[in-house]
């Protein structure tokens, strides 16, 4: 008996960027192709680096980035090179949503626990200070909202690590407490700005919207919609 797939698969041929840590312990970043996508994962082809099962990698389609876990990998010894099956760590980050069929898109948008603030795919400079040190870690966040951001880095801090974050709202410098909420080795980390008051979060969100008025993340909904903070 053939068991049905839990999610409908869509045959595509999409250009992607893939990055992370290979099985040889070296960081890599390359272009690849995505085939056979769903709201929760994809088949990636033309991977040039051996990957370990269970390891996290980053994927990007256009301006949309996501974190995935490798669930299987095989070397085809052909033009397809290494094929990798990946599972999204969070469906709300699905970077190929525009290529899904309407019923898959609707199911994805109905997922509970969405973020309250819409994310913007623009470059924002941040300075992060670890506890007990005054030496800043200067990073660029490209996936940011009024409540947090995701930062690509080969040396992410562990989940729960406390930080002070320095950011700018226009010409105003703001310091706030922050916590590492997700940490993907050799890929990046998700940071929540826990010290910002709701009013300051709204001001920061308005600032991001002014810088990126046409920005549209996969979480965009009507003005009356709300997201829970991730």
N, C-alpha and C. Protein backbone atom coordinates (compact mmCIF):
# COMPACT_ATOMS: atom_id res chain seq x y z
N UNK A 1 0.85 -1.20 0.00
CA UNK A 1 0.00 0.00 0.00
C UNK A 1 0.88 1.24 0.00
N UNK A 2 0.55 2.22 -0.85
CA UNK A 2 1.31 3.46 -0.93
C UNK A 2 0.63 4.49 -0.03
N UNK A 3 1.35 4.99 0.94
CA UNK A 3 0.80 5.98 1.84
C UNK A 3 0.79 7.35 1.17
N UNK A 4 -0.25 8.15 1.35
CA UNK A 4 -0.29 9.47 0.74
C UNK A 4 0.71 10.41 1.40
N UNK A 5 1.23 11.36 0.62
CA UNK A 5 2.12 12.36 1.18
C UNK A 5 1.32 13.27 2.11
N UNK A 6 1.92 13.70 3.24
CA UNK A 6 1.20 14.60 4.13
C UNK A 6 0.97 15.97 3.52
N UNK A 7 1.74 16.35 2.51
CA UNK A 7 1.59 17.64 1.86
C UNK A 7 1.70 17.44 0.35
N UNK A 8 0.92 18.21 -0.39
CA UNK A 8 0.98 18.11 -1.84
C UNK A 8 2.32 18.64 -2.34
N UNK A 9 2.91 17.93 -3.27
CA UNK A 9 4.17 18.34 -3.88
C UNK A 9 3.91 19.01 -5.22
N UNK A 10 4.72 20.02 -5.53
CA UNK A 10 4.60 20.76 -6.78
C UNK A 10 5.92 20.66 -7.53
N UNK A 11 5.88 20.21 -8.78
CA UNK A 11 7.08 20.10 -9.60
C UNK A 11 7.47 21.47 -10.13
N UNK A 12 8.70 21.89 -9.83
CA UNK A 12 9.19 23.20 -10.25
C UNK A 12 10.66 23.07 -10.64
N UNK A 13 11.22 24.16 -11.09
CA UNK A 13 12.66 24.26 -11.34
C UNK A 13 13.08 25.67 -10.96
N UNK A 14 13.46 25.86 -9.70
CA UNK A 14 13.72 27.18 -9.14
C UNK A 14 15.20 27.36 -8.83
N UNK A 15 15.71 28.54 -9.13
CA UNK A 15 17.09 28.89 -8.76
C UNK A 15 17.11 29.26 -7.28
N UNK A 16 18.04 28.70 -6.52
CA UNK A 16 18.14 28.94 -5.09
C UNK A 16 19.58 29.25 -4.71
N UNK A 17 19.75 29.92 -3.59
CA UNK A 17 21.07 29.99 -2.94
C UNK A 17 21.01 29.11 -1.71
N UNK A 18 22.06 28.33 -1.51
CA UNK A 18 22.14 27.41 -0.37
C UNK A 18 23.46 27.65 0.34
N UNK A 19 23.44 27.70 1.66
CA UNK A 19 24.68 27.90 2.40
C UNK A 19 24.63 27.14 3.73
N UNK A 20 25.81 26.94 4.29
CA UNK A 20 25.88 26.24 5.57
C UNK A 20 27.25 25.62 5.77
N UNK A 21 27.29 24.50 6.47
CA UNK A 21 28.52 23.79 6.77
C UNK A 21 28.45 22.40 6.13
N UNK A 22 29.45 22.08 5.28
CA UNK A 22 29.49 20.77 4.65
C UNK A 22 29.94 19.70 5.61
N UNK A 23 29.85 18.44 5.15
CA UNK A 23 30.26 17.31 5.99
C UNK A 23 31.75 17.35 6.29
N UNK A 24 32.51 18.09 5.46
CA UNK A 24 33.96 18.19 5.69
C UNK A 24 34.33 19.28 6.68
N UNK A 25 33.33 19.94 7.26
CA UNK A 25 33.58 20.97 8.25
C UNK A 25 33.88 22.33 7.67
N UNK A 26 33.69 22.50 6.37
CA UNK A 26 33.96 23.78 5.72
C UNK A 26 32.66 24.47 5.34
N UNK A 27 32.66 25.80 5.53
CA UNK A 27 31.49 26.58 5.16
C UNK A 27 31.38 26.68 3.64
N UNK A 28 30.17 26.72 3.13
CA UNK A 28 29.97 26.85 1.70
C UNK A 28 28.77 27.74 1.42
N UNK A 29 28.72 28.30 0.24
CA UNK A 29 27.59 29.07 -0.26
C UNK A 29 27.57 28.88 -1.76
N UNK A 30 26.44 28.46 -2.34
CA UNK A 30 26.40 28.15 -3.76
C UNK A 30 24.98 28.30 -4.31
N UNK A 31 24.87 28.32 -5.63
CA UNK A 31 23.57 28.27 -6.29
C UNK A 31 23.18 26.81 -6.46
N UNK A 32 21.87 26.54 -6.42
CA UNK A 32 21.35 25.19 -6.60
C UNK A 32 19.97 25.31 -7.24
N UNK A 33 19.33 24.17 -7.49
CA UNK A 33 17.99 24.14 -8.04
C UNK A 33 17.05 23.46 -7.06
N UNK A 34 15.84 23.97 -6.95
CA UNK A 34 14.82 23.35 -6.10
C UNK A 34 13.78 22.69 -7.00
N UNK A 35 13.51 21.42 -6.76
CA UNK A 35 12.49 20.66 -7.47
C UNK A 35 11.52 20.07 -6.44
N UNK A 36 10.33 19.78 -6.86
CA UNK A 36 9.42 19.00 -6.03
C UNK A 36 9.22 19.64 -4.65
N UNK A 37 8.62 20.82 -4.64
CA UNK A 37 8.48 21.60 -3.41
C UNK A 37 7.12 21.37 -2.74
N UNK A 38 7.06 21.68 -1.45
CA UNK A 38 5.81 21.70 -0.71
C UNK A 38 5.90 22.82 0.31
N UNK A 39 4.84 22.99 1.10
CA UNK A 39 4.86 24.03 2.12
C UNK A 39 5.86 23.72 3.23
N UNK A 40 6.32 22.47 3.30
CA UNK A 40 7.21 22.10 4.40
C UNK A 40 8.60 21.66 4.00
N UNK A 41 8.89 21.59 2.69
CA UNK A 41 10.22 21.12 2.31
C UNK A 41 10.41 21.15 0.81
N UNK A 42 11.54 20.57 0.37
CA UNK A 42 11.85 20.58 -1.06
C UNK A 42 12.95 19.57 -1.35
N UNK A 43 13.06 19.26 -2.63
CA UNK A 43 14.19 18.49 -3.15
C UNK A 43 15.15 19.48 -3.78
N UNK A 44 16.39 19.54 -3.27
CA UNK A 44 17.41 20.41 -3.81
C UNK A 44 18.38 19.61 -4.66
N UNK A 45 18.72 20.12 -5.83
CA UNK A 45 19.62 19.44 -6.75
C UNK A 45 20.84 20.32 -7.05
N UNK A 46 21.86 19.70 -7.61
CA UNK A 46 23.09 20.36 -8.02
C UNK A 46 23.90 20.87 -6.82
N UNK A 47 23.72 20.23 -5.67
CA UNK A 47 24.53 20.56 -4.50
C UNK A 47 25.94 20.01 -4.73
N UNK A 48 26.94 20.82 -4.45
CA UNK A 48 28.32 20.45 -4.73
C UNK A 48 29.09 20.00 -3.50
N UNK A 49 28.42 19.94 -2.36
CA UNK A 49 29.11 19.61 -1.11
C UNK A 49 28.35 18.50 -0.39
N UNK A 50 29.08 17.54 0.16
CA UNK A 50 28.46 16.50 0.96
C UNK A 50 27.87 17.13 2.22
N UNK A 51 26.66 16.72 2.57
CA UNK A 51 25.98 17.24 3.75
C UNK A 51 25.60 16.11 4.69
N UNK A 52 25.57 16.42 5.98
CA UNK A 52 25.21 15.41 6.97
C UNK A 52 23.72 15.44 7.25
N UNK A 53 23.14 14.26 7.40
CA UNK A 53 21.73 14.16 7.76
C UNK A 53 21.51 14.83 9.12
N UNK A 54 20.50 15.66 9.20
CA UNK A 54 20.17 16.34 10.45
C UNK A 54 20.79 17.71 10.61
N UNK A 55 21.77 18.05 9.76
CA UNK A 55 22.41 19.35 9.87
C UNK A 55 21.51 20.46 9.33
N UNK A 56 21.60 21.67 9.91
CA UNK A 56 20.82 22.79 9.38
C UNK A 56 21.56 23.46 8.22
N UNK A 57 20.83 23.97 7.26
CA UNK A 57 21.40 24.78 6.18
C UNK A 57 20.46 25.95 5.94
N UNK A 58 20.97 26.97 5.27
CA UNK A 58 20.14 28.10 4.89
C UNK A 58 19.81 28.02 3.41
N UNK A 59 18.62 28.45 3.05
CA UNK A 59 18.21 28.49 1.64
C UNK A 59 17.60 29.86 1.37
N UNK A 60 17.72 30.31 0.13
CA UNK A 60 17.18 31.61 -0.25
C UNK A 60 16.63 31.56 -1.65
N UNK A 61 15.43 32.09 -1.82
CA UNK A 61 14.79 32.24 -3.12
C UNK A 61 14.41 33.70 -3.27
N UNK A 62 15.07 34.43 -4.18
CA UNK A 62 14.85 35.87 -4.28
C UNK A 62 15.26 36.55 -3.00
N UNK A 63 14.35 37.29 -2.39
CA UNK A 63 14.63 37.98 -1.13
C UNK A 63 14.25 37.17 0.09
N UNK A 64 13.67 35.98 -0.12
CA UNK A 64 13.15 35.20 1.00
C UNK A 64 14.15 34.13 1.44
N UNK A 65 14.46 34.13 2.72
CA UNK A 65 15.40 33.17 3.29
C UNK A 65 14.67 32.24 4.26
N UNK A 66 15.24 31.07 4.48
CA UNK A 66 14.66 30.13 5.42
C UNK A 66 15.75 29.21 5.95
N UNK A 67 15.45 28.57 7.05
CA UNK A 67 16.34 27.57 7.63
C UNK A 67 15.73 26.20 7.43
N UNK A 68 16.56 25.25 7.04
CA UNK A 68 16.10 23.89 6.77
C UNK A 68 16.96 22.88 7.51
N UNK A 69 16.43 21.66 7.61
CA UNK A 69 17.20 20.53 8.13
C UNK A 69 17.32 19.49 7.03
N UNK A 70 18.53 18.97 6.85
CA UNK A 70 18.76 17.93 5.85
C UNK A 70 18.16 16.61 6.35
N UNK A 71 17.25 16.02 5.58
CA UNK A 71 16.62 14.77 5.99
C UNK A 71 17.16 13.57 5.21
N UNK A 72 17.69 13.81 4.01
CA UNK A 72 18.36 12.75 3.27
C UNK A 72 19.24 13.39 2.20
N UNK A 73 20.22 12.66 1.73
CA UNK A 73 21.12 13.16 0.68
C UNK A 73 21.68 11.98 -0.10
N UNK A 74 21.84 12.17 -1.42
CA UNK A 74 22.40 11.13 -2.25
C UNK A 74 23.20 11.74 -3.39
N UNK A 75 24.35 11.16 -3.70
CA UNK A 75 25.18 11.61 -4.80
C UNK A 75 24.73 10.87 -6.06
N UNK A 76 24.17 11.59 -7.02
CA UNK A 76 23.62 10.97 -8.22
C UNK A 76 24.69 10.59 -9.24
N UNK A 77 25.93 11.10 -9.05
CA UNK A 77 27.01 10.86 -10.02
C UNK A 77 26.59 11.30 -11.42
N UNK A 78 25.80 12.38 -11.49
CA UNK A 78 25.31 12.88 -12.78
C UNK A 78 25.31 14.40 -12.74
N UNK A 79 24.70 15.02 -13.75
CA UNK A 79 24.63 16.48 -13.79
C UNK A 79 23.83 17.05 -12.63
N UNK A 80 22.98 16.22 -12.01
CA UNK A 80 22.21 16.66 -10.85
C UNK A 80 23.08 16.75 -9.59
N UNK A 81 24.31 16.20 -9.70
CA UNK A 81 25.26 16.22 -8.58
C UNK A 81 24.61 15.60 -7.33
N UNK A 82 24.74 16.27 -6.19
CA UNK A 82 24.16 15.73 -4.96
C UNK A 82 22.72 16.25 -4.82
N UNK A 83 21.80 15.33 -4.59
CA UNK A 83 20.42 15.70 -4.32
C UNK A 83 20.18 15.62 -2.81
N UNK A 84 19.44 16.59 -2.31
CA UNK A 84 19.21 16.69 -0.88
C UNK A 84 17.73 16.94 -0.61
N UNK A 85 17.16 16.19 0.29
CA UNK A 85 15.81 16.47 0.76
C UNK A 85 15.88 17.30 2.02
N UNK A 86 15.18 18.43 2.04
CA UNK A 86 15.24 19.31 3.21
C UNK A 86 13.84 19.56 3.76
N UNK A 87 13.79 19.78 5.05
CA UNK A 87 12.55 20.11 5.75
C UNK A 87 12.70 21.49 6.36
N UNK A 88 11.74 22.36 6.12
CA UNK A 88 11.78 23.71 6.69
C UNK A 88 11.66 23.64 8.21
N UNK A 89 12.49 24.39 8.92
CA UNK A 89 12.40 24.43 10.37
C UNK A 89 11.20 25.23 10.83
N UNK A 90 10.72 26.13 9.97
CA UNK A 90 9.51 26.89 10.27
C UNK A 90 8.77 27.14 8.97
N UNK A 91 7.55 26.64 8.86
CA UNK A 91 6.80 26.81 7.61
C UNK A 91 6.50 28.27 7.30
N UNK A 92 6.46 29.12 8.32
CA UNK A 92 6.15 30.52 8.04
C UNK A 92 7.29 31.20 7.31
N UNK A 93 8.44 30.54 7.17
CA UNK A 93 9.57 31.12 6.46
C UNK A 93 9.69 30.58 5.03
N UNK A 94 8.69 29.85 4.55
CA UNK A 94 8.77 29.19 3.25
C UNK A 94 9.16 30.16 2.14
N UNK A 95 10.35 30.00 1.53
CA UNK A 95 10.81 30.98 0.54
C UNK A 95 10.23 30.77 -0.85
N UNK A 96 9.58 29.64 -1.08
CA UNK A 96 9.02 29.36 -2.42
C UNK A 96 7.50 29.40 -2.40
N UNK A 97 6.94 30.17 -1.49
CA UNK A 97 5.48 30.24 -1.37
C UNK A 97 4.82 30.66 -2.68
N UNK A 98 5.45 31.56 -3.43
CA UNK A 98 4.84 32.08 -4.67
C UNK A 98 4.69 30.98 -5.72
N UNK A 99 5.44 29.89 -5.58
CA UNK A 99 5.38 28.81 -6.57
C UNK A 99 4.46 27.67 -6.15
N UNK A 100 3.83 27.80 -4.98
CA UNK A 100 2.90 26.77 -4.52
C UNK A 100 1.52 27.00 -5.11
N UNK A 101 0.74 25.96 -5.19
CA UNK A 101 -0.62 26.09 -5.67
C UNK A 101 -1.46 26.81 -4.62
N UNK A 102 -2.58 27.41 -5.01
CA UNK A 102 -3.39 28.20 -4.07
C UNK A 102 -3.77 27.46 -2.80
N UNK A 103 -4.13 26.16 -2.90
CA UNK A 103 -4.55 25.46 -1.68
C UNK A 103 -3.39 25.28 -0.71
N UNK A 104 -2.16 25.10 -1.25
CA UNK A 104 -0.99 25.00 -0.39
C UNK A 104 -0.68 26.35 0.25
N UNK A 105 -0.82 27.43 -0.53
CA UNK A 105 -0.58 28.77 0.01
C UNK A 105 -1.55 29.08 1.13
N UNK A 106 -2.84 28.76 0.90
CA UNK A 106 -3.84 29.04 1.92
C UNK A 106 -3.56 28.27 3.20
N UNK A 107 -3.14 27.01 3.07
CA UNK A 107 -2.83 26.20 4.24
C UNK A 107 -1.64 26.78 4.99
N UNK A 108 -0.66 27.27 4.24
CA UNK A 108 0.53 27.85 4.86
C UNK A 108 0.18 29.11 5.63
N UNK A 109 -0.67 29.95 5.04
CA UNK A 109 -1.01 31.21 5.69
C UNK A 109 -1.91 31.00 6.91
N UNK A 110 -2.52 29.82 7.02
CA UNK A 110 -3.41 29.54 8.15
C UNK A 110 -2.69 28.99 9.36
N UNK A 111 -1.37 28.83 9.26
CA UNK A 111 -0.61 28.25 10.37
C UNK A 111 -0.69 29.16 11.60
N UNK A 112 -1.03 28.61 12.77
CA UNK A 112 -1.08 29.43 13.98
C UNK A 112 0.32 29.78 14.45
N UNK A 113 0.40 30.78 15.36
CA UNK A 113 1.68 31.13 15.94
C UNK A 113 2.53 32.00 15.04
N UNK A 114 1.90 32.81 14.19
CA UNK A 114 2.65 33.65 13.29
C UNK A 114 3.22 34.85 14.03
N UNK A 115 4.21 35.48 13.47
CA UNK A 115 4.81 36.65 14.11
C UNK A 115 3.85 37.84 14.08
N UNK A 116 3.96 38.67 15.07
CA UNK A 116 3.08 39.84 15.14
C UNK A 116 3.49 40.89 14.13
N UNK A 117 4.79 41.06 13.91
CA UNK A 117 5.30 42.11 13.06
C UNK A 117 5.77 41.55 11.73
N UNK A 118 5.42 42.23 10.65
CA UNK A 118 5.88 41.81 9.33
C UNK A 118 7.38 42.01 9.20
N UNK A 119 8.05 41.04 8.63
CA UNK A 119 9.51 41.12 8.47
C UNK A 119 9.85 41.81 7.16
N UNK A 120 10.97 42.51 7.16
CA UNK A 120 11.46 43.20 5.97
C UNK A 120 12.81 42.62 5.56
N UNK A 121 12.99 42.45 4.26
CA UNK A 121 14.21 41.86 3.71
C UNK A 121 15.15 42.97 3.28
N UNK A 122 15.58 43.80 4.21
CA UNK A 122 16.49 44.90 3.91
C UNK A 122 17.69 44.81 4.85
N UNK A 123 18.78 45.44 4.45
CA UNK A 123 20.00 45.40 5.26
C UNK A 123 19.94 46.44 6.36
N UNK A 124 20.00 45.99 7.60
CA UNK A 124 20.02 46.87 8.76
C UNK A 124 21.24 46.51 9.61
N UNK A 125 22.08 47.49 9.89
CA UNK A 125 23.27 47.24 10.70
C UNK A 125 22.91 47.24 12.18
N UNK A 126 23.43 46.26 12.89
CA UNK A 126 23.24 46.15 14.33
C UNK A 126 24.59 45.93 15.01
N UNK A 127 24.69 46.38 16.23
CA UNK A 127 25.84 46.06 17.06
C UNK A 127 25.32 45.25 18.25
N UNK A 128 25.86 44.06 18.44
CA UNK A 128 25.46 43.18 19.53
C UNK A 128 26.58 43.09 20.55
N UNK A 129 26.23 43.17 21.82
CA UNK A 129 27.21 43.08 22.90
C UNK A 129 26.86 41.89 23.77
N UNK A 130 27.80 40.95 23.89
CA UNK A 130 27.58 39.84 24.80
C UNK A 130 27.66 40.32 26.24
N UNK A 131 27.04 39.55 27.13
CA UNK A 131 27.08 39.91 28.54
C UNK A 131 28.53 39.90 29.04
N UNK A 132 28.85 40.84 29.88
CA UNK A 132 30.17 40.96 30.50
C UNK A 132 31.26 41.36 29.50
N UNK A 133 30.89 41.95 28.37
CA UNK A 133 31.90 42.43 27.44
C UNK A 133 31.41 43.71 26.79
N UNK A 134 32.37 44.59 26.47
CA UNK A 134 32.02 45.85 25.82
C UNK A 134 32.43 45.86 24.36
N UNK A 135 32.92 44.72 23.88
CA UNK A 135 33.36 44.62 22.48
C UNK A 135 32.15 44.25 21.62
N UNK A 136 31.78 45.10 20.65
CA UNK A 136 30.59 44.82 19.86
C UNK A 136 30.81 43.75 18.79
N UNK A 137 29.76 43.02 18.51
CA UNK A 137 29.72 42.13 17.35
C UNK A 137 28.87 42.86 16.31
N UNK A 138 29.49 43.31 15.24
CA UNK A 138 28.76 44.09 14.24
C UNK A 138 28.21 43.13 13.18
N UNK A 139 26.91 43.17 12.98
CA UNK A 139 26.25 42.24 12.06
C UNK A 139 25.29 43.01 11.17
N UNK A 140 24.90 42.37 10.08
CA UNK A 140 23.88 42.92 9.18
C UNK A 140 22.69 41.97 9.18
N UNK A 141 21.55 42.46 9.58
CA UNK A 141 20.32 41.67 9.55
C UNK A 141 19.59 41.96 8.25
N UNK A 142 19.16 40.92 7.57
CA UNK A 142 18.44 41.10 6.31
C UNK A 142 17.00 40.59 6.44
N UNK A 143 16.62 40.18 7.59
CA UNK A 143 15.28 39.63 7.84
C UNK A 143 14.86 40.18 9.20
N UNK A 144 14.19 41.33 9.23
CA UNK A 144 14.05 42.08 10.47
C UNK A 144 12.66 42.66 10.62
N UNK A 145 12.22 42.75 11.88
CA UNK A 145 10.93 43.36 12.20
C UNK A 145 11.08 44.14 13.50
N UNK A 146 9.97 44.69 13.96
CA UNK A 146 10.02 45.46 15.19
C UNK A 146 10.31 44.65 16.43
N UNK A 147 10.24 43.32 16.32
CA UNK A 147 10.46 42.48 17.50
C UNK A 147 11.71 41.63 17.42
N UNK A 148 12.39 41.59 16.28
CA UNK A 148 13.58 40.76 16.19
C UNK A 148 14.10 40.64 14.78
N UNK A 149 15.07 39.76 14.61
CA UNK A 149 15.70 39.61 13.30
C UNK A 149 16.40 38.26 13.23
N UNK A 150 16.81 37.91 12.02
CA UNK A 150 17.65 36.74 11.82
C UNK A 150 18.95 37.22 11.19
N UNK A 151 20.07 36.73 11.71
CA UNK A 151 21.39 37.17 11.27
C UNK A 151 22.18 35.97 10.77
N UNK A 152 22.72 36.07 9.57
CA UNK A 152 23.61 35.04 9.06
C UNK A 152 24.98 35.19 9.72
N UNK A 153 25.48 34.11 10.31
CA UNK A 153 26.82 34.13 10.90
C UNK A 153 27.33 32.70 11.03
N UNK A 154 28.62 32.52 10.84
CA UNK A 154 29.21 31.20 10.98
C UNK A 154 29.40 30.82 12.44
N UNK A 155 29.29 31.80 13.33
CA UNK A 155 29.52 31.55 14.76
C UNK A 155 28.34 32.05 15.59
N UNK A 156 27.17 31.43 15.45
CA UNK A 156 26.01 31.88 16.24
C UNK A 156 26.19 31.56 17.71
N UNK A 157 25.57 32.37 18.54
CA UNK A 157 25.59 32.14 19.98
C UNK A 157 24.54 31.10 20.35
N UNK A 158 24.66 30.46 21.50
CA UNK A 158 23.68 29.44 21.88
C UNK A 158 22.32 30.03 22.22
N UNK A 159 21.28 29.21 22.08
CA UNK A 159 19.93 29.62 22.44
C UNK A 159 19.90 30.05 23.90
N UNK A 160 19.27 31.17 24.17
CA UNK A 160 19.17 31.68 25.53
C UNK A 160 20.24 32.69 25.89
N UNK A 161 21.25 32.86 25.04
CA UNK A 161 22.31 33.82 25.33
C UNK A 161 21.74 35.23 25.38
N UNK A 162 22.14 35.98 26.41
CA UNK A 162 21.68 37.35 26.56
C UNK A 162 22.61 38.33 25.88
N UNK A 163 22.03 39.35 25.29
CA UNK A 163 22.80 40.35 24.55
C UNK A 163 22.24 41.73 24.82
N UNK A 164 23.04 42.74 24.50
CA UNK A 164 22.53 44.09 24.34
C UNK A 164 22.65 44.41 22.86
N UNK A 165 21.60 44.96 22.30
CA UNK A 165 21.59 45.29 20.87
C UNK A 165 21.51 46.79 20.70
N UNK A 166 22.35 47.31 19.82
CA UNK A 166 22.34 48.73 19.50
C UNK A 166 21.83 48.88 18.08
N UNK A 167 20.75 49.65 17.93
CA UNK A 167 20.17 49.86 16.61
C UNK A 167 19.77 51.32 16.47
N UNK A 168 19.42 51.67 15.24
CA UNK A 168 19.05 53.06 14.96
C UNK A 168 17.63 53.11 14.43
N UNK A 169 16.84 54.02 15.00
CA UNK A 169 15.52 54.33 14.47
C UNK A 169 15.63 55.73 13.89
N UNK A 170 15.90 55.80 12.61
CA UNK A 170 16.23 57.09 12.00
C UNK A 170 17.55 57.59 12.55
N UNK A 171 17.54 58.78 13.11
CA UNK A 171 18.77 59.36 13.68
C UNK A 171 18.92 59.04 15.16
N UNK A 172 17.99 58.28 15.72
CA UNK A 172 18.02 57.98 17.16
C UNK A 172 18.65 56.62 17.42
N UNK A 173 19.69 56.61 18.26
CA UNK A 173 20.31 55.35 18.67
C UNK A 173 19.55 54.75 19.83
N UNK A 174 19.24 53.46 19.73
CA UNK A 174 18.47 52.77 20.77
C UNK A 174 19.24 51.55 21.23
N UNK A 175 19.33 51.37 22.55
CA UNK A 175 19.93 50.18 23.14
C UNK A 175 18.82 49.35 23.77
N UNK A 176 18.85 48.06 23.56
CA UNK A 176 17.81 47.20 24.11
C UNK A 176 18.38 45.83 24.46
N UNK A 177 17.76 45.17 25.42
CA UNK A 177 18.12 43.79 25.73
C UNK A 177 17.61 42.87 24.61
N UNK A 178 18.36 41.81 24.37
CA UNK A 178 17.99 40.85 23.33
C UNK A 178 18.33 39.45 23.79
N UNK A 179 17.64 38.46 23.22
CA UNK A 179 17.89 37.06 23.53
C UNK A 179 18.01 36.27 22.23
N UNK A 180 18.92 35.30 22.23
CA UNK A 180 19.03 34.39 21.09
C UNK A 180 17.94 33.34 21.23
N UNK A 181 17.04 33.29 20.26
CA UNK A 181 15.91 32.37 20.31
C UNK A 181 16.14 31.11 19.48
N UNK A 182 16.89 31.23 18.39
CA UNK A 182 17.24 30.07 17.57
C UNK A 182 18.71 30.17 17.21
N UNK A 183 19.37 29.03 17.11
CA UNK A 183 20.79 29.01 16.79
C UNK A 183 21.07 27.84 15.86
N UNK A 184 21.52 28.13 14.66
CA UNK A 184 21.81 27.11 13.65
C UNK A 184 23.29 27.13 13.35
N UNK A 185 24.05 26.13 13.81
CA UNK A 185 25.51 26.13 13.63
C UNK A 185 25.93 26.40 12.19
N UNK A 186 26.84 27.36 12.04
CA UNK A 186 27.40 27.72 10.74
C UNK A 186 26.38 28.30 9.77
N UNK A 187 25.20 28.66 10.28
CA UNK A 187 24.16 29.25 9.42
C UNK A 187 23.75 30.63 9.93
N UNK A 188 23.31 30.71 11.18
CA UNK A 188 22.89 31.99 11.72
C UNK A 188 22.11 31.83 13.00
N UNK A 189 21.51 32.92 13.48
CA UNK A 189 20.76 32.89 14.72
C UNK A 189 19.60 33.88 14.65
N UNK A 190 18.50 33.51 15.32
CA UNK A 190 17.34 34.38 15.44
C UNK A 190 17.39 35.12 16.76
N UNK A 191 17.17 36.42 16.72
CA UNK A 191 17.30 37.27 17.90
C UNK A 191 15.99 37.99 18.17
N UNK A 192 15.53 37.94 19.41
CA UNK A 192 14.34 38.68 19.82
C UNK A 192 14.76 39.91 20.60
N UNK A 193 14.21 41.05 20.26
CA UNK A 193 14.50 42.31 20.95
C UNK A 193 13.55 42.43 22.14
N UNK A 194 13.93 41.81 23.25
CA UNK A 194 13.00 41.68 24.38
C UNK A 194 12.90 42.94 25.20
N UNK A 195 13.83 43.89 25.04
CA UNK A 195 13.83 45.08 25.87
C UNK A 195 13.04 46.24 25.31
N UNK A 196 12.54 46.12 24.08
CA UNK A 196 11.80 47.22 23.47
C UNK A 196 10.35 47.25 23.97
N UNK A 197 9.91 48.41 24.38
CA UNK A 197 8.50 48.57 24.71
C UNK A 197 7.68 48.47 23.42
N UNK A 198 6.39 48.16 23.59
CA UNK A 198 5.53 48.01 22.42
C UNK A 198 5.53 49.27 21.56
N UNK A 199 5.55 50.42 22.19
CA UNK A 199 5.56 51.69 21.44
C UNK A 199 6.85 51.83 20.63
N UNK A 200 7.98 51.38 21.21
CA UNK A 200 9.25 51.45 20.48
C UNK A 200 9.30 50.42 19.36
N UNK A 201 8.71 49.24 19.60
CA UNK A 201 8.60 48.25 18.54
C UNK A 201 7.82 48.81 17.36
N UNK A 202 6.71 49.51 17.68
CA UNK A 202 5.89 50.08 16.62
C UNK A 202 6.66 51.16 15.87
N UNK A 203 7.42 51.99 16.60
CA UNK A 203 8.22 53.03 15.94
C UNK A 203 9.26 52.40 15.03
N UNK A 204 9.90 51.33 15.51
CA UNK A 204 10.91 50.65 14.69
C UNK A 204 10.26 50.01 13.47
N UNK A 205 9.08 49.40 13.67
CA UNK A 205 8.38 48.79 12.54
C UNK A 205 7.99 49.85 11.51
N UNK A 206 7.53 51.00 11.97
CA UNK A 206 7.18 52.09 11.06
C UNK A 206 8.40 52.58 10.30
N UNK A 207 9.55 52.62 10.99
CA UNK A 207 10.80 53.02 10.34
C UNK A 207 11.18 52.03 9.24
N UNK A 208 11.08 50.73 9.54
CA UNK A 208 11.39 49.71 8.54
C UNK A 208 10.43 49.80 7.36
N UNK A 209 9.15 50.04 7.65
CA UNK A 209 8.17 50.16 6.58
C UNK A 209 8.46 51.37 5.70
N UNK A 210 8.93 52.46 6.30
CA UNK A 210 9.27 53.66 5.52
C UNK A 210 10.47 53.41 4.62
N UNK A 211 11.43 52.60 5.11
CA UNK A 211 12.60 52.28 4.30
C UNK A 211 12.28 51.27 3.21
N UNK A 212 11.28 50.45 3.45
CA UNK A 212 10.96 49.37 2.53
C UNK A 212 9.44 49.34 2.29
N UNK A 213 8.88 50.40 1.71
CA UNK A 213 7.43 50.51 1.59
C UNK A 213 6.78 49.44 0.72
N UNK A 214 7.55 48.87 -0.20
CA UNK A 214 6.99 47.85 -1.09
C UNK A 214 7.34 46.45 -0.64
N UNK A 215 8.00 46.36 0.51
CA UNK A 215 8.43 45.05 1.00
C UNK A 215 7.22 44.19 1.32
N UNK A 216 7.37 42.91 1.06
CA UNK A 216 6.27 41.98 1.32
C UNK A 216 6.85 40.66 1.77
N UNK A 217 6.73 40.35 3.03
CA UNK A 217 7.18 39.05 3.51
C UNK A 217 6.07 38.05 3.32
N UNK A 218 6.37 36.78 3.54
CA UNK A 218 5.35 35.74 3.38
C UNK A 218 4.30 35.81 4.48
N UNK A 219 4.54 36.64 5.51
CA UNK A 219 3.60 36.74 6.61
C UNK A 219 2.63 37.91 6.44
N UNK A 220 2.72 38.63 5.29
CA UNK A 220 1.91 39.82 5.14
C UNK A 220 0.43 39.46 5.15
N UNK A 221 -0.35 40.20 5.94
CA UNK A 221 -1.78 39.98 6.00
C UNK A 221 -2.45 41.35 5.98
N UNK A 222 -3.75 41.38 6.22
CA UNK A 222 -4.46 42.65 6.26
C UNK A 222 -4.04 43.45 7.47
N UNK A 223 -4.34 44.75 7.44
CA UNK A 223 -3.89 45.64 8.51
C UNK A 223 -4.43 45.22 9.85
N UNK A 224 -5.54 44.51 9.89
CA UNK A 224 -6.12 44.10 11.16
C UNK A 224 -5.56 42.82 11.70
N UNK A 225 -4.68 42.15 10.96
CA UNK A 225 -4.14 40.87 11.39
C UNK A 225 -3.05 41.08 12.42
N UNK A 226 -2.81 40.06 13.24
CA UNK A 226 -1.76 40.09 14.25
C UNK A 226 -0.99 38.79 14.20
N UNK A 227 0.26 38.85 14.65
CA UNK A 227 1.09 37.66 14.72
C UNK A 227 1.61 37.55 16.14
N UNK A 228 1.76 36.34 16.61
CA UNK A 228 2.41 36.16 17.89
C UNK A 228 3.90 36.26 17.68
N UNK A 229 4.63 36.76 18.67
CA UNK A 229 6.07 36.91 18.56
C UNK A 229 6.74 35.57 18.61
N UNK A 230 7.61 35.31 17.64
CA UNK A 230 8.39 34.08 17.61
C UNK A 230 9.70 34.30 18.32
